[in-house]
Amino acid sequence: MIEKDKGRLEVLARIDEYEKKGWFSKDVEEDPPTIPLTPDKVDYLNKKLKNKIATFFVNVGAKRFIKNLVKNGQMIIKDVKGIENFEAIQKSGAILTCNHFNPFDNFAIHYVLFKYMYKPGKQVLYKVIREGNYTNFPGIYGFFFRHCNTLPLSANFSTMKNFMTAMKVLLERGEKVLVYAEQGMWWNYRKPRPLTAGAFKFAAESKVPVLPIFITMNDSDKIGGDGFPIQEYTLHFLPAIYPDESKTVKENMEIMKDKNYEMWKEVYETTYGIPLTYSCDSAE
């Protein structure tokens, strides 16, 4: 029997603590200090030829890597529900939101969307990532993070100005951008967490829909290298939420954010057959 990984046990303990305190957007992983990202270090729209070439080869490698995860049973896709909701917004720019509980959760989305994307003349899926994921990793992992259609956030004002400009360009030309509106990754946490406003600000300002995705999971009979059961994922693609043209950006942000959370909550309660409750007094 494989002993449970000490680091994962510590993360689970922090998740319990943070839920009790209502710290839902706080990161539970012990990541190293972030290296600041300056404007000259990121080419958000992939304008440079060397970055276009690197992105092409990274996407080919990433597609092979993700398919091998499924083939080898390291990532298990049990079911996909509501894919017609993605098909309905294929021609529109859109923000995709998903609960964030594993480094593989975006791989699961990629795997399901391969038939729609990553083909000649087709779109790719852009991902908003934390600054440290872009700047901190050396070697091959860092190369992949920097060239896999990622849009890193930054504490640098000038860099974030470029980020916001790029976001508008991508959405206006019909791209799909995955944003983790819960922020920090909570490992194997099954509940939806209260959402932050950023994803909905992007959608409201660019007048594009938000497509909520919620992944539910159950233990498989396979034990991973960390001593925990590998999870079987069911991906729920939910109906798109559109901004109301009669309302302000701020009003739309709040309405869309609340609607997204309620849709996730309904999936959680229906799938697991239990009401959504938290150990803290308030989820606000």
C-alpha atoms as a PDB file:
ATOM      1  CA  MET A   1       0.000   0.000   0.000  1.00  0.00           C
ATOM      2  CA  ILE A   2       1.338   3.426  -0.989  1.00  0.00           C
ATOM      3  CA  GLU A   3       1.716   5.820   1.921  1.00  0.00           C
ATOM      4  CA  LYS A   4      -0.169   9.092   1.519  1.00  0.00           C
ATOM      5  CA  ASP A   5       2.051  11.994   0.521  1.00  0.00           C
ATOM      6  CA  LYS A   6       2.872  14.255   3.474  1.00  0.00           C
ATOM      7  CA  GLY A   7       2.707  17.404   1.365  1.00  0.00           C
ATOM      8  CA  ARG A   8      -0.784  16.568   0.116  1.00  0.00           C
ATOM      9  CA  LEU A   9      -1.950  15.864   3.683  1.00  0.00           C
ATOM     10  CA  GLU A  10      -0.654  19.278   4.737  1.00  0.00           C
ATOM     11  CA  VAL A  11      -2.503  20.927   1.852  1.00  0.00           C
ATOM     12  CA  LEU A  12      -5.747  19.156   2.828  1.00  0.00           C
ATOM     13  CA  ALA A  13      -5.294  20.412   6.395  1.00  0.00           C
ATOM     14  CA  ARG A  14      -4.859  23.984   5.125  1.00  0.00           C
ATOM     15  CA  ILE A  15      -7.974  23.641   2.985  1.00  0.00           C
ATOM     16  CA  ASP A  16      -9.956  22.643   6.087  1.00  0.00           C
ATOM     17  CA  GLU A  17      -8.502  25.602   7.986  1.00  0.00           C
ATOM     18  CA  TYR A  18      -9.111  28.122   5.189  1.00  0.00           C
ATOM     19  CA  GLU A  19     -12.696  26.957   4.666  1.00  0.00           C
ATOM     20  CA  LYS A  20     -13.416  27.435   8.361  1.00  0.00           C
ATOM     21  CA  LYS A  21     -11.995  30.962   8.132  1.00  0.00           C
ATOM     22  CA  GLY A  22     -13.722  31.757   4.835  1.00  0.00           C
ATOM     23  CA  TRP A  23     -10.425  32.337   3.010  1.00  0.00           C
ATOM     24  CA  PHE A  24     -11.755  30.900  -0.234  1.00  0.00           C
ATOM     25  CA  SER A  25      -9.489  32.691  -2.709  1.00  0.00           C
ATOM     26  CA  LYS A  26      -6.299  32.157  -0.714  1.00  0.00           C
ATOM     27  CA  ASP A  27      -3.706  29.780  -2.131  1.00  0.00           C
ATOM     28  CA  VAL A  28      -3.129  26.612  -0.084  1.00  0.00           C
ATOM     29  CA  GLU A  29       0.004  25.528  -1.949  1.00  0.00           C
ATOM     30  CA  GLU A  30       3.406  26.594  -0.626  1.00  0.00           C
ATOM     31  CA  ASP A  31       4.736  28.191  -3.790  1.00  0.00           C
ATOM     32  CA  PRO A  32       8.042  30.107  -3.833  1.00  0.00           C
ATOM     33  CA  PRO A  33       8.021  33.926  -3.987  1.00  0.00           C
ATOM     34  CA  THR A  34       6.940  35.167  -7.395  1.00  0.00           C
ATOM     35  CA  ILE A  35       9.504  36.630  -9.784  1.00  0.00           C
ATOM     36  CA  PRO A  36       7.977  39.891 -11.139  1.00  0.00           C
ATOM     37  CA  LEU A  37       6.925  39.843 -14.798  1.00  0.00           C
ATOM     38  CA  THR A  38       7.966  42.929 -16.752  1.00  0.00           C
ATOM     39  CA  PRO A  39       6.412  43.954 -20.099  1.00  0.00           C
ATOM     40  CA  ASP A  40       9.482  42.952 -22.118  1.00  0.00           C
ATOM     41  CA  LYS A  41       9.256  39.354 -20.879  1.00  0.00           C
ATOM     42  CA  VAL A  42       5.837  38.478 -22.297  1.00  0.00           C
ATOM     43  CA  ASP A  43       4.375  38.548 -25.816  1.00  0.00           C
ATOM     44  CA  TYR A  44       0.663  38.204 -25.043  1.00  0.00           C
ATOM     45  CA  LEU A  45      -0.514  38.200 -28.667  1.00  0.00           C
ATOM     46  CA  ASN A  46       2.359  36.047 -29.963  1.00  0.00           C
ATOM     47  CA  LYS A  47       3.499  38.684 -32.429  1.00  0.00           C
ATOM     48  CA  LYS A  48       7.138  37.584 -32.545  1.00  0.00           C
ATOM     49  CA  LEU A  49       8.011  34.838 -35.047  1.00  0.00           C
ATOM     50  CA  LYS A  50      10.116  32.887 -32.548  1.00  0.00           C
ATOM     51  CA  ASN A  51       7.177  32.777 -30.138  1.00  0.00           C
ATOM     52  CA  LYS A  52       4.780  31.632 -32.867  1.00  0.00           C
ATOM     53  CA  ILE A  53       7.128  28.775 -33.737  1.00  0.00           C
ATOM     54  CA  ALA A  54       7.631  27.827 -30.083  1.00  0.00           C
ATOM     55  CA  THR A  55       3.864  27.874 -29.464  1.00  0.00           C
ATOM     56  CA  PHE A  56       3.224  25.594 -32.452  1.00  0.00           C
ATOM     57  CA  PHE A  57       5.632  22.917 -31.209  1.00  0.00           C
ATOM     58  CA  VAL A  58       4.546  23.260 -27.570  1.00  0.00           C
ATOM     59  CA  ASN A  59       0.900  22.744 -28.548  1.00  0.00           C
ATOM     60  CA  VAL A  60       1.808  19.613 -30.510  1.00  0.00           C
ATOM     61  CA  GLY A  61       3.720  18.277 -27.507  1.00  0.00           C
ATOM     62  CA  ALA A  62       1.008  19.271 -25.045  1.00  0.00           C
ATOM     63  CA  LYS A  63      -1.684  17.512 -27.065  1.00  0.00           C
ATOM     64  CA  ARG A  64       0.376  14.309 -27.092  1.00  0.00           C
ATOM     65  CA  PHE A  65       1.087  14.646 -23.361  1.00  0.00           C
ATOM     66  CA  ILE A  66      -2.588  15.086 -22.454  1.00  0.00           C
ATOM     67  CA  LYS A  67      -3.694  12.143 -24.599  1.00  0.00           C
ATOM     68  CA  ASN A  68      -1.059   9.968 -22.930  1.00  0.00           C
ATOM     69  CA  LEU A  69      -2.361  10.967 -19.482  1.00  0.00           C
ATOM     70  CA  VAL A  70      -5.742   9.543 -20.449  1.00  0.00           C
ATOM     71  CA  LYS A  71      -4.266   6.512 -22.206  1.00  0.00           C
ATOM     72  CA  ASN A  72      -2.158   5.640 -19.143  1.00  0.00           C
ATOM     73  CA  GLY A  73      -5.007   6.178 -16.677  1.00  0.00           C
ATOM     74  CA  GLN A  74      -3.321   9.117 -14.950  1.00  0.00           C
ATOM     75  CA  MET A  75      -6.325  11.280 -15.835  1.00  0.00           C
ATOM     76  CA  ILE A  76      -9.764   9.715 -16.090  1.00  0.00           C
ATOM     77  CA  ILE A  77     -12.622  11.378 -17.973  1.00  0.00           C
ATOM     78  CA  LYS A  78     -15.748   9.553 -16.822  1.00  0.00           C
ATOM     79  CA  ASP A  79     -18.372  11.643 -18.622  1.00  0.00           C
ATOM     80  CA  VAL A  80     -19.036  14.917 -20.438  1.00  0.00           C
ATOM     81  CA  LYS A  81     -22.383  16.676 -20.087  1.00  0.00           C
ATOM     82  CA  GLY A  82     -23.744  19.714 -21.906  1.00  0.00           C
ATOM     83  CA  ILE A  83     -21.116  19.954 -24.656  1.00  0.00           C
ATOM     84  CA  GLU A  84     -23.833  21.494 -26.828  1.00  0.00           C
ATOM     85  CA  ASN A  85     -23.475  24.600 -24.663  1.00  0.00           C
ATOM     86  CA  PHE A  86     -19.899  24.984 -25.874  1.00  0.00           C
ATOM     87  CA  GLU A  87     -20.940  24.302 -29.455  1.00  0.00           C
ATOM     88  CA  ALA A  88     -23.502  27.116 -29.188  1.00  0.00           C
ATOM     89  CA  ILE A  89     -20.803  29.754 -28.539  1.00  0.00           C
ATOM     90  CA  GLN A  90     -18.107  28.405 -30.882  1.00  0.00           C
ATOM     91  CA  LYS A  91     -18.209  31.441 -33.169  1.00  0.00           C
ATOM     92  CA  SER A  92     -18.094  33.955 -30.321  1.00  0.00           C
ATOM     93  CA  GLY A  93     -15.318  35.123 -28.109  1.00  0.00           C
ATOM     94  CA  ALA A  94     -16.003  33.823 -24.606  1.00  0.00           C
ATOM     95  CA  ILE A  95     -14.663  33.508 -21.091  1.00  0.00           C
ATOM     96  CA  LEU A  96     -14.678  29.941 -19.773  1.00  0.00           C
ATOM     97  CA  THR A  97     -14.736  29.505 -16.005  1.00  0.00           C
ATOM     98  CA  CYS A  98     -13.916  26.265 -14.205  1.00  0.00           C
ATOM     99  CA  ASN A  99     -13.458  25.149 -10.618  1.00  0.00           C
ATOM    100  CA  HIS A 100      -9.743  24.826  -9.840  1.00  0.00           C
ATOM    101  CA  PHE A 101      -8.768  21.746  -7.861  1.00  0.00           C
ATOM    102  CA  ASN A 102      -5.896  20.069  -9.707  1.00  0.00           C
ATOM    103  CA  PRO A 103      -3.111  20.929 -12.162  1.00  0.00           C
ATOM    104  CA  PHE A 104      -4.867  18.510 -14.528  1.00  0.00           C
ATOM    105  CA  ASP A 105      -8.289  20.205 -14.542  1.00  0.00           C
ATOM    106  CA  ASN A 106      -7.412  22.380 -17.544  1.00  0.00           C
ATOM    107  CA  PHE A 107      -5.983  19.293 -19.276  1.00  0.00           C
ATOM    108  CA  ALA A 108      -9.406  17.659 -18.922  1.00  0.00           C
ATOM    109  CA  ILE A 109     -11.034  20.642 -20.633  1.00  0.00           C
ATOM    110  CA  HIS A 110      -8.421  20.564 -23.394  1.00  0.00           C
ATOM    111  CA  TYR A 111      -8.976  16.846 -23.941  1.00  0.00           C
ATOM    112  CA  VAL A 112     -12.725  17.307 -24.404  1.00  0.00           C
ATOM    113  CA  LEU A 113     -12.274  20.306 -26.720  1.00  0.00           C
ATOM    114  CA  PHE A 114      -9.583  18.793 -28.976  1.00  0.00           C
ATOM    115  CA  LYS A 115     -12.242  17.882 -31.559  1.00  0.00           C
ATOM    116  CA  TYR A 116     -13.215  21.559 -31.772  1.00  0.00           C
ATOM    117  CA  MET A 117      -9.821  23.250 -31.440  1.00  0.00           C
ATOM    118  CA  TYR A 118      -6.110  22.884 -32.199  1.00  0.00           C
ATOM    119  CA  LYS A 119      -6.663  21.988 -35.852  1.00  0.00           C
ATOM    120  CA  PRO A 120      -5.427  23.958 -38.893  1.00  0.00           C
ATOM    121  CA  GLY A 121      -7.445  27.149 -39.082  1.00  0.00           C
ATOM    122  CA  LYS A 122      -9.151  26.455 -35.751  1.00  0.00           C
ATOM    123  CA  GLN A 123      -8.908  28.325 -32.463  1.00  0.00           C
ATOM    124  CA  VAL A 124      -6.887  27.353 -29.416  1.00  0.00           C
ATOM    125  CA  LEU A 125      -7.781  27.693 -25.750  1.00  0.00           C
ATOM    126  CA  TYR A 126      -6.044  30.549 -23.945  1.00  0.00           C
ATOM    127  CA  LYS A 127      -5.465  30.275 -20.192  1.00  0.00           C
ATOM    128  CA  VAL A 128      -5.027  33.026 -17.615  1.00  0.00           C
ATOM    129  CA  ILE A 129      -2.322  31.928 -15.176  1.00  0.00           C
ATOM    130  CA  ARG A 130      -0.666  33.315 -12.081  1.00  0.00           C
ATOM    131  CA  GLU A 131       2.508  35.341 -12.456  1.00  0.00           C
ATOM    132  CA  GLY A 132       4.708  32.777 -10.714  1.00  0.00           C
ATOM    133  CA  ASN A 133       3.678  29.965 -13.051  1.00  0.00           C
ATOM    134  CA  TYR A 134       5.039  32.028 -15.927  1.00  0.00           C
ATOM    135  CA  THR A 135       8.218  33.376 -14.353  1.00  0.00           C
ATOM    136  CA  ASN A 136       9.302  30.855 -11.715  1.00  0.00           C
ATOM    137  CA  PHE A 137       9.729  27.612 -13.631  1.00  0.00           C
ATOM    138  CA  PRO A 138      13.107  26.934 -15.283  1.00  0.00           C
ATOM    139  CA  GLY A 139      13.869  24.457 -18.072  1.00  0.00           C
ATOM    140  CA  ILE A 140      11.316  22.556 -20.112  1.00  0.00           C
ATOM    141  CA  TYR A 141       8.414  23.188 -17.712  1.00  0.00           C
ATOM    142  CA  GLY A 142       8.974  26.929 -17.851  1.00  0.00           C
ATOM    143  CA  PHE A 143       9.197  26.771 -21.637  1.00  0.00           C
ATOM    144  CA  PHE A 144       5.819  25.014 -21.778  1.00  0.00           C
ATOM    145  CA  PHE A 145       4.213  27.505 -19.369  1.00  0.00           C
ATOM    146  CA  ARG A 146       5.423  30.423 -21.466  1.00  0.00           C
ATOM    147  CA  HIS A 147       4.416  29.061 -24.863  1.00  0.00           C
ATOM    148  CA  CYS A 148       1.157  27.180 -24.332  1.00  0.00           C
ATOM    149  CA  ASN A 149      -1.230  30.086 -25.075  1.00  0.00           C
ATOM    150  CA  THR A 150      -0.945  31.371 -21.534  1.00  0.00           C
ATOM    151  CA  LEU A 151      -1.892  34.869 -20.367  1.00  0.00           C
ATOM    152  CA  PRO A 152       0.017  35.577 -17.147  1.00  0.00           C
ATOM    153  CA  LEU A 153      -1.236  38.057 -14.608  1.00  0.00           C
ATOM    154  CA  SER A 154       1.315  40.430 -13.119  1.00  0.00           C
ATOM    155  CA  ALA A 155       1.853  42.771 -10.205  1.00  0.00           C
ATOM    156  CA  ASN A 156       3.540  45.143 -12.659  1.00  0.00           C
ATOM    157  CA  PHE A 157       1.145  47.895 -13.778  1.00  0.00           C
ATOM    158  CA  SER A 158       2.571  48.225 -17.305  1.00  0.00           C
ATOM    159  CA  THR A 159       2.457  44.458 -17.833  1.00  0.00           C
ATOM    160  CA  MET A 160      -1.168  44.316 -16.673  1.00  0.00           C
ATOM    161  CA  LYS A 161      -2.040  47.155 -19.035  1.00  0.00           C
ATOM    162  CA  ASN A 162      -0.708  45.002 -21.891  1.00  0.00           C
ATOM    163  CA  PHE A 163      -2.612  42.025 -20.487  1.00  0.00           C
ATOM    164  CA  MET A 164      -5.928  43.893 -20.551  1.00  0.00           C
ATOM    165  CA  THR A 165      -5.321  45.121 -24.108  1.00  0.00           C
ATOM    166  CA  ALA A 166      -4.504  41.596 -25.264  1.00  0.00           C
ATOM    167  CA  MET A 167      -7.585  40.184 -23.530  1.00  0.00           C
ATOM    168  CA  LYS A 168      -9.850  42.580 -25.435  1.00  0.00           C
ATOM    169  CA  VAL A 169      -8.172  41.746 -28.749  1.00  0.00           C
ATOM    170  CA  LEU A 170      -8.496  37.996 -28.197  1.00  0.00           C
ATOM    171  CA  LEU A 171     -12.154  38.138 -27.177  1.00  0.00           C
ATOM    172  CA  GLU A 172     -13.064  40.471 -30.047  1.00  0.00           C
ATOM    173  CA  ARG A 173     -11.550  38.070 -32.578  1.00  0.00           C
ATOM    174  CA  GLY A 174     -13.530  35.142 -31.185  1.00  0.00           C
ATOM    175  CA  GLU A 175     -11.011  33.363 -28.947  1.00  0.00           C
ATOM    176  CA  LYS A 176     -11.905  31.352 -25.835  1.00  0.00           C
ATOM    177  CA  VAL A 177     -10.098  32.227 -22.597  1.00  0.00           C
ATOM    178  CA  LEU A 178     -10.127  29.986 -19.522  1.00  0.00           C
ATOM    179  CA  VAL A 179     -10.118  31.924 -16.242  1.00  0.00           C
ATOM    180  CA  TYR A 180     -10.027  30.405 -12.760  1.00  0.00           C
ATOM    181  CA  ALA A 181     -12.430  32.755 -11.013  1.00  0.00           C
ATOM    182  CA  GLU A 182     -11.896  31.017  -7.651  1.00  0.00           C
ATOM    183  CA  GLN A 183      -8.196  31.975  -7.935  1.00  0.00           C
ATOM    184  CA  GLY A 184      -5.980  29.583  -5.934  1.00  0.00           C
ATOM    185  CA  MET A 185      -6.010  25.844  -6.610  1.00  0.00           C
ATOM    186  CA  TRP A 186      -7.552  23.774  -3.789  1.00  0.00           C
ATOM    187  CA  TRP A 187      -6.425  20.206  -4.369  1.00  0.00           C
ATOM    188  CA  ASN A 188      -9.315  17.746  -4.918  1.00  0.00           C
ATOM    189  CA  TYR A 189     -11.785  20.184  -3.298  1.00  0.00           C
ATOM    190  CA  ARG A 190     -15.222  19.244  -4.569  1.00  0.00           C
ATOM    191  CA  LYS A 191     -17.272  22.271  -3.537  1.00  0.00           C
ATOM    192  CA  PRO A 192     -17.627  25.420  -5.661  1.00  0.00           C
ATOM    193  CA  ARG A 193     -15.976  28.403  -4.006  1.00  0.00           C
ATOM    194  CA  PRO A 194     -17.206  32.017  -4.079  1.00  0.00           C
ATOM    195  CA  LEU A 195     -15.952  33.709  -7.227  1.00  0.00           C
ATOM    196  CA  THR A 196     -13.806  36.795  -7.752  1.00  0.00           C
ATOM    197  CA  ALA A 197     -14.886  39.439 -10.260  1.00  0.00           C
ATOM    198  CA  GLY A 198     -12.026  39.502 -12.793  1.00  0.00           C
ATOM    199  CA  ALA A 199     -13.369  36.902 -15.255  1.00  0.00           C
ATOM    200  CA  PHE A 200     -16.721  38.641 -15.405  1.00  0.00           C
ATOM    201  CA  LYS A 201     -15.129  42.057 -15.870  1.00  0.00           C
ATOM    202  CA  PHE A 202     -13.365  40.754 -18.995  1.00  0.00           C
ATOM    203  CA  ALA A 203     -16.651  39.388 -20.354  1.00  0.00           C
ATOM    204  CA  ALA A 204     -18.738  42.448 -19.499  1.00  0.00           C
ATOM    205  CA  GLU A 205     -16.246  44.924 -20.990  1.00  0.00           C
ATOM    206  CA  SER A 206     -15.888  42.946 -24.224  1.00  0.00           C
ATOM    207  CA  LYS A 207     -19.614  42.075 -24.336  1.00  0.00           C
ATOM    208  CA  VAL A 208     -19.002  38.338 -24.676  1.00  0.00           C
ATOM    209  CA  PRO A 209     -20.587  35.429 -22.810  1.00  0.00           C
ATOM    210  CA  VAL A 210     -19.225  33.462 -19.891  1.00  0.00           C
ATOM    211  CA  LEU A 211     -19.414  29.676 -20.272  1.00  0.00           C
ATOM    212  CA  PRO A 212     -19.372  28.046 -16.822  1.00  0.00           C
ATOM    213  CA  ILE A 213     -17.744  24.614 -16.548  1.00  0.00           C
ATOM    214  CA  PHE A 214     -17.931  22.619 -13.344  1.00  0.00           C
ATOM    215  CA  ILE A 215     -16.025  19.373 -12.890  1.00  0.00           C
ATOM    216  CA  THR A 216     -17.373  16.828 -10.434  1.00  0.00           C
ATOM    217  CA  MET A 217     -15.342  13.820  -9.366  1.00  0.00           C
ATOM    218  CA  ASN A 218     -15.387  10.482  -7.650  1.00  0.00           C
ATOM    219  CA  ASP A 219     -12.684   8.124  -6.414  1.00  0.00           C
ATOM    220  CA  SER A 220     -11.510   5.537  -8.934  1.00  0.00           C
ATOM    221  CA  ASP A 221     -10.122   2.150  -7.915  1.00  0.00           C
ATOM    222  CA  LYS A 222      -6.624   3.310  -8.937  1.00  0.00           C
ATOM    223  CA  ILE A 223      -4.190   4.770  -6.403  1.00  0.00           C
ATOM    224  CA  GLY A 224      -1.862   7.493  -7.616  1.00  0.00           C
ATOM    225  CA  GLY A 225       1.771   7.968  -6.695  1.00  0.00           C
ATOM    226  CA  ASP A 226       0.696  10.315  -3.889  1.00  0.00           C
ATOM    227  CA  GLY A 227      -1.220   7.498  -2.152  1.00  0.00           C
ATOM    228  CA  PHE A 228      -4.647   8.972  -2.930  1.00  0.00           C
ATOM    229  CA  PRO A 229      -7.263   7.580  -5.333  1.00  0.00           C
ATOM    230  CA  ILE A 230      -7.056   8.956  -8.860  1.00  0.00           C
ATOM    231  CA  GLN A 231     -10.243  10.913  -9.483  1.00  0.00           C
ATOM    232  CA  GLU A 232     -12.741  10.207 -12.245  1.00  0.00           C
ATOM    233  CA  TYR A 233     -13.892  13.494 -13.766  1.00  0.00           C
ATOM    234  CA  THR A 234     -17.300  14.446 -15.131  1.00  0.00           C
ATOM    235  CA  LEU A 235     -17.213  17.749 -17.013  1.00  0.00           C
ATOM    236  CA  HIS A 236     -20.410  19.793 -16.943  1.00  0.00           C
ATOM    237  CA  PHE A 237     -20.584  22.451 -19.677  1.00  0.00           C
ATOM    238  CA  LEU A 238     -23.369  24.782 -18.569  1.00  0.00           C
ATOM    239  CA  PRO A 239     -25.452  27.307 -20.566  1.00  0.00           C
ATOM    240  CA  ALA A 240     -23.645  30.520 -21.451  1.00  0.00           C
ATOM    241  CA  ILE A 241     -24.301  33.648 -19.403  1.00  0.00           C
ATOM    242  CA  TYR A 242     -24.594  36.805 -21.515  1.00  0.00           C
ATOM    243  CA  PRO A 243     -24.086  40.395 -20.380  1.00  0.00           C
ATOM    244  CA  ASP A 244     -27.173  42.592 -20.471  1.00  0.00           C
ATOM    245  CA  GLU A 245     -26.601  45.560 -22.799  1.00  0.00           C
ATOM    246  CA  SER A 246     -28.982  47.694 -20.732  1.00  0.00           C
ATOM    247  CA  LYS A 247     -26.766  47.387 -17.658  1.00  0.00           C
ATOM    248  CA  THR A 248     -23.385  48.841 -16.746  1.00  0.00           C
ATOM    249  CA  VAL A 249     -20.182  46.818 -16.749  1.00  0.00           C
ATOM    250  CA  LYS A 250     -20.186  46.771 -12.958  1.00  0.00           C
ATOM    251  CA  GLU A 251     -23.793  45.586 -12.806  1.00  0.00           C
ATOM    252  CA  ASN A 252     -23.136  42.857 -15.355  1.00  0.00           C
ATOM    253  CA  MET A 253     -20.044  41.720 -13.474  1.00  0.00           C
ATOM    254  CA  GLU A 254     -22.035  41.086 -10.320  1.00  0.00           C
ATOM    255  CA  ILE A 255     -25.038  39.518 -12.058  1.00  0.00           C
ATOM    256  CA  MET A 256     -22.884  37.167 -14.153  1.00  0.00           C
ATOM    257  CA  LYS A 257     -20.685  36.246 -11.204  1.00  0.00           C
ATOM    258  CA  ASP A 258     -23.670  35.376  -9.022  1.00  0.00           C
ATOM    259  CA  LYS A 259     -25.354  33.414 -11.831  1.00  0.00           C
ATOM    260  CA  ASN A 260     -22.156  31.429 -12.477  1.00  0.00           C
ATOM    261  CA  TYR A 261     -21.881  30.505  -8.802  1.00  0.00           C
ATOM    262  CA  GLU A 262     -25.545  29.479  -8.595  1.00  0.00           C
ATOM    263  CA  MET A 263     -25.168  27.244 -11.653  1.00  0.00           C
ATOM    264  CA  TRP A 264     -22.097  25.562 -10.154  1.00  0.00           C
ATOM    265  CA  LYS A 265     -23.942  25.171  -6.849  1.00  0.00           C
ATOM    266  CA  GLU A 266     -26.853  23.438  -8.574  1.00  0.00           C
ATOM    267  CA  VAL A 267     -24.521  20.978 -10.316  1.00  0.00           C
ATOM    268  CA  TYR A 268     -22.741  20.251  -7.040  1.00  0.00           C
ATOM    269  CA  GLU A 269     -25.946  19.596  -5.126  1.00  0.00           C
ATOM    270  CA  THR A 270     -27.532  17.538  -7.912  1.00  0.00           C
ATOM    271  CA  THR A 271     -24.439  15.424  -8.561  1.00  0.00           C
ATOM    272  CA  TYR A 272     -23.449  14.706  -4.971  1.00  0.00           C
ATOM    273  CA  GLY A 273     -26.997  14.679  -3.603  1.00  0.00           C
ATOM    274  CA  ILE A 274     -26.189  16.986  -0.681  1.00  0.00           C
ATOM    275  CA  PRO A 275     -26.768  20.696   0.020  1.00  0.00           C
ATOM    276  CA  LEU A 276     -23.774  22.982  -0.377  1.00  0.00           C
ATOM    277  CA  THR A 277     -22.553  24.101   3.043  1.00  0.00           C
ATOM    278  CA  TYR A 278     -19.261  25.441   4.331  1.00  0.00           C
ATOM    279  CA  SER A 279     -17.631  25.040   7.717  1.00  0.00           C
ATOM    280  CA  CYS A 280     -17.355  28.808   8.162  1.00  0.00           C
ATOM    281  CA  ASP A 281     -20.222  30.969   9.377  1.00  0.00           C
ATOM    282  CA  SER A 282     -20.412  32.801   6.040  1.00  0.00           C
ATOM    283  CA  ALA A 283     -19.116  32.160   2.518  1.00  0.00           C
ATOM    284  CA  GLU A 284     -18.870  35.841   1.759  1.00  0.00           C
END
